[in-house]
């Protein structure tokens, strides 16, 4: 039986709800058809935003949404997406699928979506093909209420009051699609752009996010070190991207080896955060700068018969496990990781929802995010669980957990069993805590199970009863391929 220890006396960092965010890029059917269908669409919508997706994101507790990219951000010119829609210029999206972008979803539409969902806005700016002047004009347009040309333009386009912008990204993947820059050059460019991004309201000052490394690139520690050393004092956050992909198999058609390959890759997130945090600690020991994991998730071969550059993939119980273990890792590193956005929200990569015309499906990943709402803004508790390693060629513990405490003293514990076939017996003990009541729920199934149109609830959250309350904790049998949440009072 595995030992699971929770120490309520060891109160650590706050788990910022913003680590449970999502990313929406002008890519495939993420924006168009995914969240935005237009005001004249027969699909039920409010101001063009499809009501089923908005309702799902609200129910999930989505705290922050990143837009417009991704690689798309560094070819996006924001003025193309304002004003009368019939007069907005079009562009050819060379990077993602070779389709025509008509810019009908722009700044005003993005903030309308955020308002309907009730989430914070994370806007990514264009460094690669834009200018510092263009970027600052956008900040002024969005956040200023001072009498100026940009403020007047916003009001003429129908928005009287400024919007709240919580995060603003200065470029995206500048080491790659965002310009193929060297870290020294990007750090200098970041300092120039960041200096020119003015503050127009001290109560509406976006946190500036610098382009950090990708865990998928060789030498990512060097990028992080140079950018922190040269520009750390000018940033509020440093990004980290990492995809636990398998480009040899599809998201629902994988072998046992493929299952463990993705799970092992996903668990490497812990190492990437540790190594990046160690570099940040050299230059920012007070941990003022946020580590923002603003692109993460499972990236597999696109579904057969779809445009390969649309990156459409199904979503199985395996994806739910990746979501659960990754969110547990974020919780454990919440002293430094205080914002993260899953790639992506709808119809692209590891989505929380899929759409087909008027139909919408909540994915297994969706149910994990909704389950983990109970961690939002809690206090991380010291915890530890024993577990065997499932991979001879790498590190993959069978059990991955995190524990937190709500303001009312309720303990939230989430445990992921990463084994395809083996259950795990767990004995949990909570220090100096007399247990009165425990409730639990689970997301589980065969690793290949998924929700599809016409079969929307093959995988969903269910009550979990295979546990026994003890005076100071519980014993439980955690099924294979499962994510379990305990609420302990």
Protein backbone atom coordinates (compact mmCIF):
# COMPACT_ATOMS: atom_id res chain seq x y z
CA UNK A 1 0.00 0.00 0.00
CA UNK A 2 1.34 3.42 -0.97
CA UNK A 3 1.77 6.05 1.76
CA UNK A 4 0.25 9.48 1.20
CA UNK A 5 1.07 12.20 3.72
CA UNK A 6 -0.56 15.64 3.90
CA UNK A 7 0.66 18.26 6.35
CA UNK A 8 -1.84 21.10 6.95
CA UNK A 9 0.72 22.76 9.20
CA UNK A 10 3.01 23.23 6.21
CA UNK A 11 1.23 26.02 4.37
CA UNK A 12 3.19 26.93 1.26
CA UNK A 13 2.36 29.18 -1.70
CA UNK A 14 -0.99 30.36 -3.01
CA UNK A 15 -2.28 28.40 -6.01
CA UNK A 16 -3.14 31.19 -8.41
CA UNK A 17 -6.29 30.33 -10.34
CA UNK A 18 -4.63 31.72 -13.48
CA UNK A 19 -2.64 28.49 -13.90
CA UNK A 20 -5.93 26.97 -15.09
CA UNK A 21 -6.17 29.15 -18.20
CA UNK A 22 -6.53 28.34 -21.89
CA UNK A 23 -5.03 29.57 -25.14
CA UNK A 24 -7.01 30.51 -28.27
CA UNK A 25 -5.15 31.16 -31.50
CA UNK A 26 -6.34 32.05 -35.00
CA UNK A 27 -5.58 28.48 -36.01
CA UNK A 28 -7.86 25.96 -37.69
CA UNK A 29 -11.33 26.04 -36.13
CA UNK A 30 -10.33 27.35 -32.73
CA UNK A 31 -11.77 30.87 -33.13
CA UNK A 32 -14.02 30.61 -36.17
CA UNK A 33 -16.61 27.85 -35.63
CA UNK A 34 -15.04 27.06 -32.26
CA UNK A 35 -15.97 30.09 -30.17
CA UNK A 36 -17.11 32.66 -32.73
CA UNK A 37 -19.80 32.02 -35.32
CA UNK A 38 -20.97 35.57 -36.04
CA UNK A 39 -24.14 37.38 -35.06
CA UNK A 40 -26.12 36.06 -38.05
CA UNK A 41 -25.30 32.39 -37.50
CA UNK A 42 -28.13 29.87 -36.97
CA UNK A 43 -25.97 28.42 -34.19
CA UNK A 44 -27.20 29.93 -30.89
CA UNK A 45 -24.95 32.84 -29.98
CA UNK A 46 -24.74 36.10 -28.11
CA UNK A 47 -23.00 38.83 -30.08
CA UNK A 48 -21.42 36.14 -32.25
CA UNK A 49 -20.07 33.97 -29.39
CA UNK A 50 -21.59 30.51 -29.41
CA UNK A 51 -23.55 30.04 -26.22
CA UNK A 52 -22.73 26.36 -25.70
CA UNK A 53 -18.97 26.97 -25.64
CA UNK A 54 -19.29 30.09 -23.47
CA UNK A 55 -21.46 28.18 -20.99
CA UNK A 56 -18.97 25.30 -20.88
CA UNK A 57 -16.03 27.64 -20.25
CA UNK A 58 -17.96 29.45 -17.51
CA UNK A 59 -18.86 26.17 -15.84
CA UNK A 60 -15.23 25.07 -16.07
CA UNK A 61 -14.19 28.24 -14.25
CA UNK A 62 -11.84 29.45 -16.99
CA UNK A 63 -9.82 32.24 -15.31
CA UNK A 64 -7.72 33.64 -18.17
CA UNK A 65 -7.67 33.39 -21.97
CA UNK A 66 -4.63 34.02 -24.17
CA UNK A 67 -5.12 35.47 -27.70
CA UNK A 68 -4.41 35.91 -30.71
CA UNK A 69 -1.45 33.50 -30.74
CA UNK A 70 0.94 31.73 -30.86
CA UNK A 71 2.76 32.07 -34.11
CA UNK A 72 -0.22 33.99 -35.47
CA UNK A 73 0.47 36.83 -33.01
CA UNK A 74 3.71 37.77 -34.71
CA UNK A 75 2.00 38.31 -38.05
CA UNK A 76 -1.08 40.00 -36.57
CA UNK A 77 -1.65 43.73 -36.92
CA UNK A 78 -4.33 44.73 -34.48
CA UNK A 79 -5.78 47.63 -36.47
CA UNK A 80 -6.86 45.11 -39.13
CA UNK A 81 -9.31 43.71 -36.56
CA UNK A 82 -11.23 46.83 -35.51
CA UNK A 83 -13.94 48.95 -37.12
CA UNK A 84 -16.74 47.83 -39.41
CA UNK A 85 -16.32 44.18 -40.24
CA UNK A 86 -17.11 44.58 -43.89
CA UNK A 87 -14.28 47.10 -44.18
CA UNK A 88 -11.62 45.09 -42.35
CA UNK A 89 -8.71 43.92 -44.54
CA UNK A 90 -8.10 40.23 -45.15
CA UNK A 91 -4.86 38.33 -44.90
CA UNK A 92 -3.56 34.98 -46.06
CA UNK A 93 -2.61 32.82 -43.08
CA UNK A 94 0.45 31.14 -44.53
CA UNK A 95 1.48 29.56 -41.26
CA UNK A 96 -1.75 27.82 -40.25
CA UNK A 97 -3.45 26.08 -43.14
CA UNK A 98 -3.18 28.59 -45.96
CA UNK A 99 -6.64 30.03 -45.34
CA UNK A 100 -7.99 33.57 -45.65
CA UNK A 101 -8.32 35.45 -42.37
CA UNK A 102 -11.07 38.07 -42.64
CA UNK A 103 -10.37 39.65 -39.25
CA UNK A 104 -14.02 39.52 -38.22
CA UNK A 105 -12.81 38.40 -34.79
CA UNK A 106 -10.60 41.15 -33.43
CA UNK A 107 -9.95 43.13 -30.26
CA UNK A 108 -13.56 44.05 -29.51
CA UNK A 109 -14.76 40.50 -30.14
CA UNK A 110 -12.04 39.06 -27.91
CA UNK A 111 -13.04 41.24 -24.99
CA UNK A 112 -16.69 40.41 -25.61
CA UNK A 113 -15.78 36.74 -25.30
CA UNK A 114 -13.84 37.39 -22.08
CA UNK A 115 -16.79 39.33 -20.67
CA UNK A 116 -19.25 36.55 -21.44
CA UNK A 117 -16.98 33.87 -19.98
CA UNK A 118 -15.98 36.06 -17.02
CA UNK A 119 -12.24 35.56 -17.51
CA UNK A 120 -9.15 37.77 -17.57
CA UNK A 121 -7.52 38.82 -20.84
CA UNK A 122 -4.00 37.83 -21.91
CA UNK A 123 -3.08 39.59 -25.16
CA UNK A 124 0.01 38.62 -27.17
CA UNK A 125 1.77 41.39 -29.10
CA UNK A 126 3.63 41.36 -32.40
CA UNK A 127 7.42 41.77 -32.13
CA UNK A 128 8.47 39.87 -35.27
CA UNK A 129 6.64 41.91 -37.93
CA UNK A 130 5.29 44.79 -35.86
CA UNK A 131 6.79 47.88 -34.24
CA UNK A 132 7.07 49.23 -30.73
CA UNK A 133 4.82 52.11 -31.78
CA UNK A 134 2.15 49.71 -33.03
CA UNK A 135 2.30 47.70 -29.81
CA UNK A 136 2.06 50.75 -27.58
CA UNK A 137 -0.87 52.09 -29.62
CA UNK A 138 -2.68 48.82 -28.94
CA UNK A 139 -2.04 49.11 -25.20
CA UNK A 140 -3.33 52.67 -25.30
CA UNK A 141 -6.39 51.66 -27.35
CA UNK A 142 -7.26 48.92 -24.87
CA UNK A 143 -6.41 50.46 -21.50
CA UNK A 144 -6.42 54.26 -21.69
CA UNK A 145 -9.19 56.67 -20.78
CA UNK A 146 -7.05 59.74 -21.44
CA UNK A 147 -8.11 62.09 -24.26
CA UNK A 148 -6.08 60.84 -27.20
CA UNK A 149 -6.41 59.60 -30.76
CA UNK A 150 -6.38 55.93 -29.70
CA UNK A 151 -9.00 56.47 -26.99
CA UNK A 152 -11.19 58.37 -29.43
CA UNK A 153 -10.83 55.57 -31.99
CA UNK A 154 -11.89 52.95 -29.46
CA UNK A 155 -14.95 54.96 -28.49
CA UNK A 156 -15.87 55.48 -32.14
CA UNK A 157 -15.75 51.71 -32.54
CA UNK A 158 -18.29 51.26 -29.75
CA UNK A 159 -16.28 50.77 -26.54
CA UNK A 160 -16.59 53.74 -24.23
CA UNK A 161 -14.62 52.44 -21.25
CA UNK A 162 -11.18 50.83 -21.36
CA UNK A 163 -10.90 47.07 -20.99
CA UNK A 164 -8.85 45.35 -18.33
CA UNK A 165 -5.75 43.64 -19.71
CA UNK A 166 -4.13 41.50 -17.04
CA UNK A 167 -1.24 40.08 -19.12
CA UNK A 168 0.48 41.31 -22.25
CA UNK A 169 3.00 39.16 -24.11
CA UNK A 170 5.91 40.89 -25.81
CA UNK A 171 6.37 38.49 -28.71
CA UNK A 172 5.87 34.74 -28.95
CA UNK A 173 8.45 31.99 -29.49
CA UNK A 174 10.95 34.56 -30.70
CA UNK A 175 13.54 31.78 -30.88
CA UNK A 176 11.45 30.19 -33.66
CA UNK A 177 8.32 31.25 -35.55
CA UNK A 178 8.46 34.64 -33.83
CA UNK A 179 11.66 35.72 -35.57
CA UNK A 180 14.36 33.01 -35.18
CA UNK A 181 16.21 35.40 -32.89
CA UNK A 182 19.22 34.72 -30.71
CA UNK A 183 18.52 35.23 -26.99
CA UNK A 184 20.84 38.22 -26.74
CA UNK A 185 19.02 39.97 -29.58
CA UNK A 186 15.58 39.16 -28.23
CA UNK A 187 16.52 40.38 -24.75
CA UNK A 188 17.55 43.74 -26.21
CA UNK A 189 14.41 43.92 -28.32
CA UNK A 190 12.28 43.00 -25.32
CA UNK A 191 13.81 45.80 -23.26
CA UNK A 192 13.13 48.29 -26.07
CA UNK A 193 9.52 47.21 -26.55
CA UNK A 194 8.82 46.90 -22.83
CA UNK A 195 10.20 50.38 -22.19
CA UNK A 196 7.88 51.83 -24.80
CA UNK A 197 4.74 50.09 -23.47
CA UNK A 198 3.31 52.97 -21.47
CA UNK A 199 1.08 52.77 -18.40
CA UNK A 200 -2.11 54.75 -18.90
CA UNK A 201 -3.86 53.73 -15.70
CA UNK A 202 -2.05 52.46 -12.60
CA UNK A 203 -5.09 50.33 -11.79
CA UNK A 204 -5.03 48.75 -15.26
CA UNK A 205 -1.36 48.00 -15.81
CA UNK A 206 -0.80 44.79 -17.82
CA UNK A 207 1.82 42.40 -16.53
CA UNK A 208 4.51 42.18 -19.22
CA UNK A 209 5.35 38.64 -20.30
CA UNK A 210 8.74 38.06 -21.91
CA UNK A 211 9.35 35.19 -24.32
CA UNK A 212 11.03 32.43 -22.39
CA UNK A 213 12.23 29.06 -23.67
CA UNK A 214 10.55 25.90 -24.89
CA UNK A 215 11.25 22.64 -23.13
CA UNK A 216 11.12 21.03 -26.57
CA UNK A 217 14.14 22.98 -27.84
CA UNK A 218 17.79 22.07 -27.25
CA UNK A 219 19.68 24.53 -25.09
CA UNK A 220 16.56 26.06 -23.57
CA UNK A 221 18.37 26.79 -20.32
CA UNK A 222 20.76 29.09 -22.22
CA UNK A 223 17.83 31.08 -23.62
CA UNK A 224 16.27 31.45 -20.19
CA UNK A 225 19.57 32.46 -18.61
CA UNK A 226 20.39 35.15 -21.17
CA UNK A 227 16.90 36.66 -21.22
CA UNK A 228 16.65 36.73 -17.42
CA UNK A 229 20.14 38.16 -17.04
CA UNK A 230 19.67 40.93 -19.61
CA UNK A 231 15.97 41.69 -19.26
CA UNK A 232 14.71 40.18 -16.01
CA UNK A 233 14.38 43.58 -14.38
CA UNK A 234 12.05 44.77 -17.16
CA UNK A 235 9.56 41.87 -17.09
CA UNK A 236 6.75 40.71 -14.85
CA UNK A 237 6.67 37.18 -16.24
CA UNK A 238 8.75 34.79 -18.30
CA UNK A 239 6.97 32.27 -20.50
CA UNK A 240 7.72 28.56 -20.83
CA UNK A 241 6.32 26.34 -23.59
CA UNK A 242 6.29 22.57 -23.53
CA UNK A 243 4.34 19.98 -25.50
CA UNK A 244 4.11 16.34 -24.45
CA UNK A 245 3.65 15.19 -28.00
CA UNK A 246 3.86 12.07 -30.05
CA UNK A 247 3.92 12.86 -33.76
CA UNK A 248 4.08 9.17 -34.71
CA UNK A 249 0.56 8.29 -33.53
CA UNK A 250 -2.85 9.96 -33.38
CA UNK A 251 -4.53 11.12 -30.21
CA UNK A 252 -7.01 8.19 -30.09
CA UNK A 253 -5.03 5.55 -32.02
CA UNK A 254 -2.00 4.78 -29.91
CA UNK A 255 -0.15 1.72 -28.75
CA UNK A 256 0.66 0.86 -25.15
CA UNK A 257 4.17 2.12 -25.83
CA UNK A 258 2.72 5.33 -27.22
CA UNK A 259 0.58 5.79 -24.12
CA UNK A 260 3.57 5.62 -21.80
CA UNK A 261 5.72 7.69 -24.13
CA UNK A 262 3.27 10.59 -23.86
CA UNK A 263 2.80 10.16 -20.11
CA UNK A 264 6.55 10.11 -19.57
CA UNK A 265 6.97 13.19 -21.75
CA UNK A 266 4.21 14.97 -19.83
CA UNK A 267 5.87 14.26 -16.50
CA UNK A 268 9.03 15.96 -17.76
CA UNK A 269 7.15 19.23 -17.21
CA UNK A 270 8.29 18.96 -13.59
CA UNK A 271 11.95 18.93 -14.63
CA UNK A 272 11.50 21.80 -17.10
CA UNK A 273 9.87 23.97 -14.44
CA UNK A 274 12.56 23.11 -11.91
CA UNK A 275 15.42 23.92 -14.27
CA UNK A 276 13.84 27.15 -15.49
CA UNK A 277 13.00 28.18 -11.93
CA UNK A 278 16.58 27.60 -10.81
CA UNK A 279 17.77 29.99 -13.52
CA UNK A 280 15.15 32.56 -12.58
CA UNK A 281 16.15 32.28 -8.92
CA UNK A 282 19.68 33.44 -9.76
CA UNK A 283 18.40 36.78 -10.99
CA UNK A 284 15.11 37.01 -9.10
CA UNK A 285 15.49 35.32 -5.70
CA UNK A 286 12.42 37.17 -4.39
CA UNK A 287 10.32 35.41 -7.07
CA UNK A 288 8.79 38.64 -8.29
CA UNK A 289 8.80 37.39 -11.89
CA UNK A 290 6.04 34.90 -12.71
CA UNK A 291 6.83 31.72 -14.63
CA UNK A 292 3.97 31.57 -17.16
CA UNK A 293 3.59 28.19 -18.87
CA UNK A 294 1.42 29.72 -21.56
CA UNK A 295 1.56 26.84 -24.03
CA UNK A 296 1.36 23.23 -22.90
CA UNK A 297 -0.51 20.04 -23.71
CA UNK A 298 -0.54 16.92 -25.89
CA UNK A 299 0.42 17.38 -29.55
CA UNK A 300 -0.21 14.35 -31.78
CA UNK A 301 -0.71 13.65 -35.46
CA UNK A 302 -3.86 15.42 -36.73
CA UNK A 303 -6.98 13.37 -37.28
CA UNK A 304 -7.07 11.61 -40.65
CA UNK A 305 -8.99 13.51 -43.32
CA UNK A 306 -8.49 16.93 -41.73
CA UNK A 307 -6.24 19.80 -42.81
CA UNK A 308 -2.94 18.86 -41.13
CA UNK A 309 -2.17 22.52 -40.41
CA UNK A 310 -5.44 22.88 -38.46
CA UNK A 311 -3.98 20.61 -35.74
CA UNK A 312 -7.35 19.02 -34.98
CA UNK A 313 -7.12 15.99 -32.72
CA UNK A 314 -9.49 13.98 -30.56
CA UNK A 315 -9.15 13.84 -26.80
CA UNK A 316 -9.05 10.64 -24.75
CA UNK A 317 -8.69 9.52 -21.15
CA UNK A 318 -4.94 9.69 -21.76
CA UNK A 319 -5.30 13.45 -22.30
CA UNK A 320 -7.26 13.71 -19.06
CA UNK A 321 -4.38 12.04 -17.23
CA UNK A 322 -1.90 14.47 -18.80
CA UNK A 323 -4.10 17.37 -17.71
CA UNK A 324 -4.37 16.08 -14.16
CA UNK A 325 -0.70 15.31 -13.66
CA UNK A 326 0.35 18.63 -15.23
CA UNK A 327 -2.01 20.66 -13.08
CA UNK A 328 -0.73 18.81 -10.02
CA UNK A 329 2.81 19.78 -11.05
CA UNK A 330 1.75 23.42 -11.47
CA UNK A 331 0.17 23.37 -8.02
CA UNK A 332 3.40 22.01 -6.53
CA UNK A 333 5.37 24.85 -8.17
CA UNK A 334 2.84 27.59 -7.45
CA UNK A 335 5.49 29.69 -5.72
CA UNK A 336 6.85 30.45 -9.21
CA UNK A 337 4.23 29.16 -11.69
CA UNK A 338 1.38 31.63 -11.32
CA UNK A 339 -0.12 31.57 -14.80
CA UNK A 340 -0.53 28.89 -17.47
CA UNK A 341 -2.67 28.38 -20.56
CA UNK A 342 -3.52 25.03 -22.14
CA UNK A 343 -3.12 24.75 -25.91
CA UNK A 344 -5.80 25.10 -27.06
CA UNK A 345 -9.37 25.92 -26.10
CA UNK A 346 -11.54 24.48 -28.90
CA UNK A 347 -10.87 22.16 -31.88
CA UNK A 348 -7.06 22.46 -31.75
CA UNK A 349 -4.58 20.15 -29.98
CA UNK A 350 -5.60 19.24 -26.41
CA UNK A 351 -8.89 21.12 -26.41
CA UNK A 352 -11.48 21.29 -23.65
CA UNK A 353 -14.28 21.32 -26.25
CA UNK A 354 -14.90 20.17 -29.82
CA UNK A 355 -17.55 21.52 -32.17
CA UNK A 356 -19.26 20.31 -35.35
CA UNK A 357 -21.89 22.69 -36.65
CA UNK A 358 -24.42 23.19 -33.87
CA UNK A 359 -23.05 20.29 -31.82
CA UNK A 360 -20.46 20.60 -29.04
CA UNK A 361 -18.61 17.98 -27.02
CA UNK A 362 -16.86 18.44 -23.69
CA UNK A 363 -13.63 16.47 -23.73
CA UNK A 364 -12.10 14.35 -20.94
CA UNK A 365 -9.63 17.20 -20.42
CA UNK A 366 -12.57 19.54 -19.80
CA UNK A 367 -13.83 17.43 -16.93
CA UNK A 368 -10.41 17.42 -15.24
CA UNK A 369 -10.20 21.21 -15.45
CA UNK A 370 -13.69 21.51 -14.01
CA UNK A 371 -12.81 19.05 -11.25
CA UNK A 372 -9.68 21.03 -10.33
CA UNK A 373 -11.68 24.26 -9.86
CA UNK A 374 -11.61 23.40 -6.17
CA UNK A 375 -7.87 24.19 -6.09
CA UNK A 376 -8.37 27.77 -7.33
CA UNK A 377 -6.71 30.33 -5.03
CA UNK A 378 -6.15 27.77 -2.27
CA UNK A 379 -3.04 27.44 -0.12
CA UNK A 380 -0.70 24.66 -1.25
CA UNK A 381 -0.01 22.15 1.51
CA UNK A 382 3.08 20.07 2.01
CA UNK A 383 2.35 16.56 0.74
CA UNK A 384 4.13 13.44 -0.44
CA UNK A 385 3.08 10.11 -1.94
CA UNK A 386 5.09 6.96 -2.54
CA UNK A 387 4.78 5.37 -5.97
CA UNK A 388 6.61 2.96 -8.21
CA UNK A 389 8.21 4.06 -11.47
CA UNK A 390 6.37 2.73 -14.54
CA UNK A 391 9.13 3.30 -17.11
CA UNK A 392 12.49 1.59 -17.29
CA UNK A 393 13.81 4.21 -19.71
CA UNK A 394 12.69 7.26 -17.78
CA UNK A 395 10.82 8.67 -14.83
CA UNK A 396 7.05 8.20 -14.56
CA UNK A 397 5.60 7.66 -11.09
CA UNK A 398 2.35 5.70 -11.03
CA UNK A 399 0.80 8.25 -8.66
CA UNK A 400 1.09 12.04 -8.92
CA UNK A 401 -0.74 14.23 -6.41
CA UNK A 402 -1.18 17.67 -4.94
CA UNK A 403 -3.07 18.95 -1.90
CA UNK A 404 -4.37 22.36 -0.96
CA UNK A 405 -6.56 24.04 1.65
CA UNK A 406 -9.54 26.29 1.14
CA UNK A 407 -10.19 29.29 3.35
CA UNK A 408 -12.80 27.32 5.29
CA UNK A 409 -10.24 24.63 6.12
CA UNK A 410 -11.41 22.04 3.58
CA UNK A 411 -8.52 20.03 2.14
CA UNK A 412 -8.55 19.35 -1.61
CA UNK A 413 -6.50 16.36 -2.76
CA UNK A 414 -6.13 15.31 -6.39
CA UNK A 415 -4.41 12.05 -7.38
CA UNK A 416 -3.60 10.75 -10.87
CA UNK A 417 -2.93 7.07 -11.55
CA UNK A 418 -0.84 6.98 -14.73
CA UNK A 419 -0.93 3.19 -15.16
CA UNK A 420 -2.96 1.74 -18.03
CA UNK A 421 -3.79 -1.44 -16.12
CA UNK A 422 -2.84 -1.40 -12.44
CA UNK A 423 -4.85 0.05 -9.58
CA UNK A 424 -3.07 1.49 -6.54
CA UNK A 425 -3.84 1.03 -2.87
CA UNK A 426 -3.30 4.29 -0.98
CA UNK A 427 -3.25 5.08 2.75
CA UNK A 428 -3.55 8.82 3.36
CA UNK A 429 -2.67 10.35 6.73
CA UNK A 430 -3.26 14.03 7.50
CA UNK A 431 -1.19 15.53 10.29
CA UNK A 432 -3.09 17.04 13.25
CA UNK A 433 -6.40 16.76 11.42
CA UNK A 434 -9.51 14.95 12.57
CA UNK A 435 -11.52 13.92 9.54
CA UNK A 436 -15.28 14.50 9.76
CA UNK A 437 -16.40 14.07 6.17
CA UNK A 438 -14.97 13.05 2.77
CA UNK A 439 -16.56 13.28 -0.66
CA UNK A 440 -14.82 12.24 -3.87
CA UNK A 441 -15.25 12.19 -7.65
CA UNK A 442 -13.39 10.61 -10.54
CA UNK A 443 -12.65 10.86 -14.25
CA UNK A 444 -11.66 7.45 -15.59
CA UNK A 445 -12.10 4.87 -18.36
CA UNK A 446 -10.06 2.90 -20.83
CA UNK A 447 -7.08 4.93 -22.01
CA UNK A 448 -8.58 5.14 -25.52
CA UNK A 449 -12.07 6.26 -24.45
CA UNK A 450 -13.24 9.61 -25.77
CA UNK A 451 -16.37 11.70 -26.21
CA UNK A 452 -17.72 12.20 -29.71
CA UNK A 453 -20.72 13.74 -31.41
CA UNK A 454 -23.67 11.51 -30.58
CA UNK A 455 -21.71 9.95 -27.69
CA UNK A 456 -20.96 13.03 -25.64
CA UNK A 457 -20.68 11.43 -22.18
CA UNK A 458 -18.57 8.32 -22.57
CA UNK A 459 -16.06 10.04 -20.29
CA UNK A 460 -17.31 12.39 -17.59
CA UNK A 461 -17.02 13.14 -13.89
CA UNK A 462 -18.68 10.56 -11.63
CA UNK A 463 -18.94 10.06 -7.90
CA UNK A 464 -16.16 7.95 -6.37
CA UNK A 465 -16.85 5.71 -3.38
CA UNK A 466 -14.00 3.20 -3.35
CA UNK A 467 -12.45 4.67 -0.22
CA UNK A 468 -12.81 4.39 3.54
CA UNK A 469 -12.59 7.31 5.92
CA UNK A 470 -10.19 6.98 8.84
CA UNK A 471 -9.73 9.22 11.87
CA UNK A 472 -6.82 11.05 10.27
CA UNK A 473 -7.35 10.47 6.54
CA UNK A 474 -8.54 7.67 4.31
CA UNK A 475 -7.64 4.49 2.49
CA UNK A 476 -8.57 4.15 -1.18
CA UNK A 477 -8.13 2.03 -4.26
CA UNK A 478 -7.26 4.33 -7.16
CA UNK A 479 -8.26 2.69 -10.46
CA UNK A 480 -5.89 2.64 -13.45
CA UNK A 481 -6.20 5.54 -15.89
CA UNK A 482 -7.93 7.81 -13.41
CA UNK A 483 -7.96 11.27 -11.90
CA UNK A 484 -9.56 11.37 -8.44
CA UNK A 485 -10.42 14.36 -6.28
CA UNK A 486 -11.08 14.18 -2.54
CA UNK A 487 -12.71 16.95 -0.52
CA UNK A 488 -11.81 16.41 3.14
CA UNK A 489 -13.44 18.26 6.02
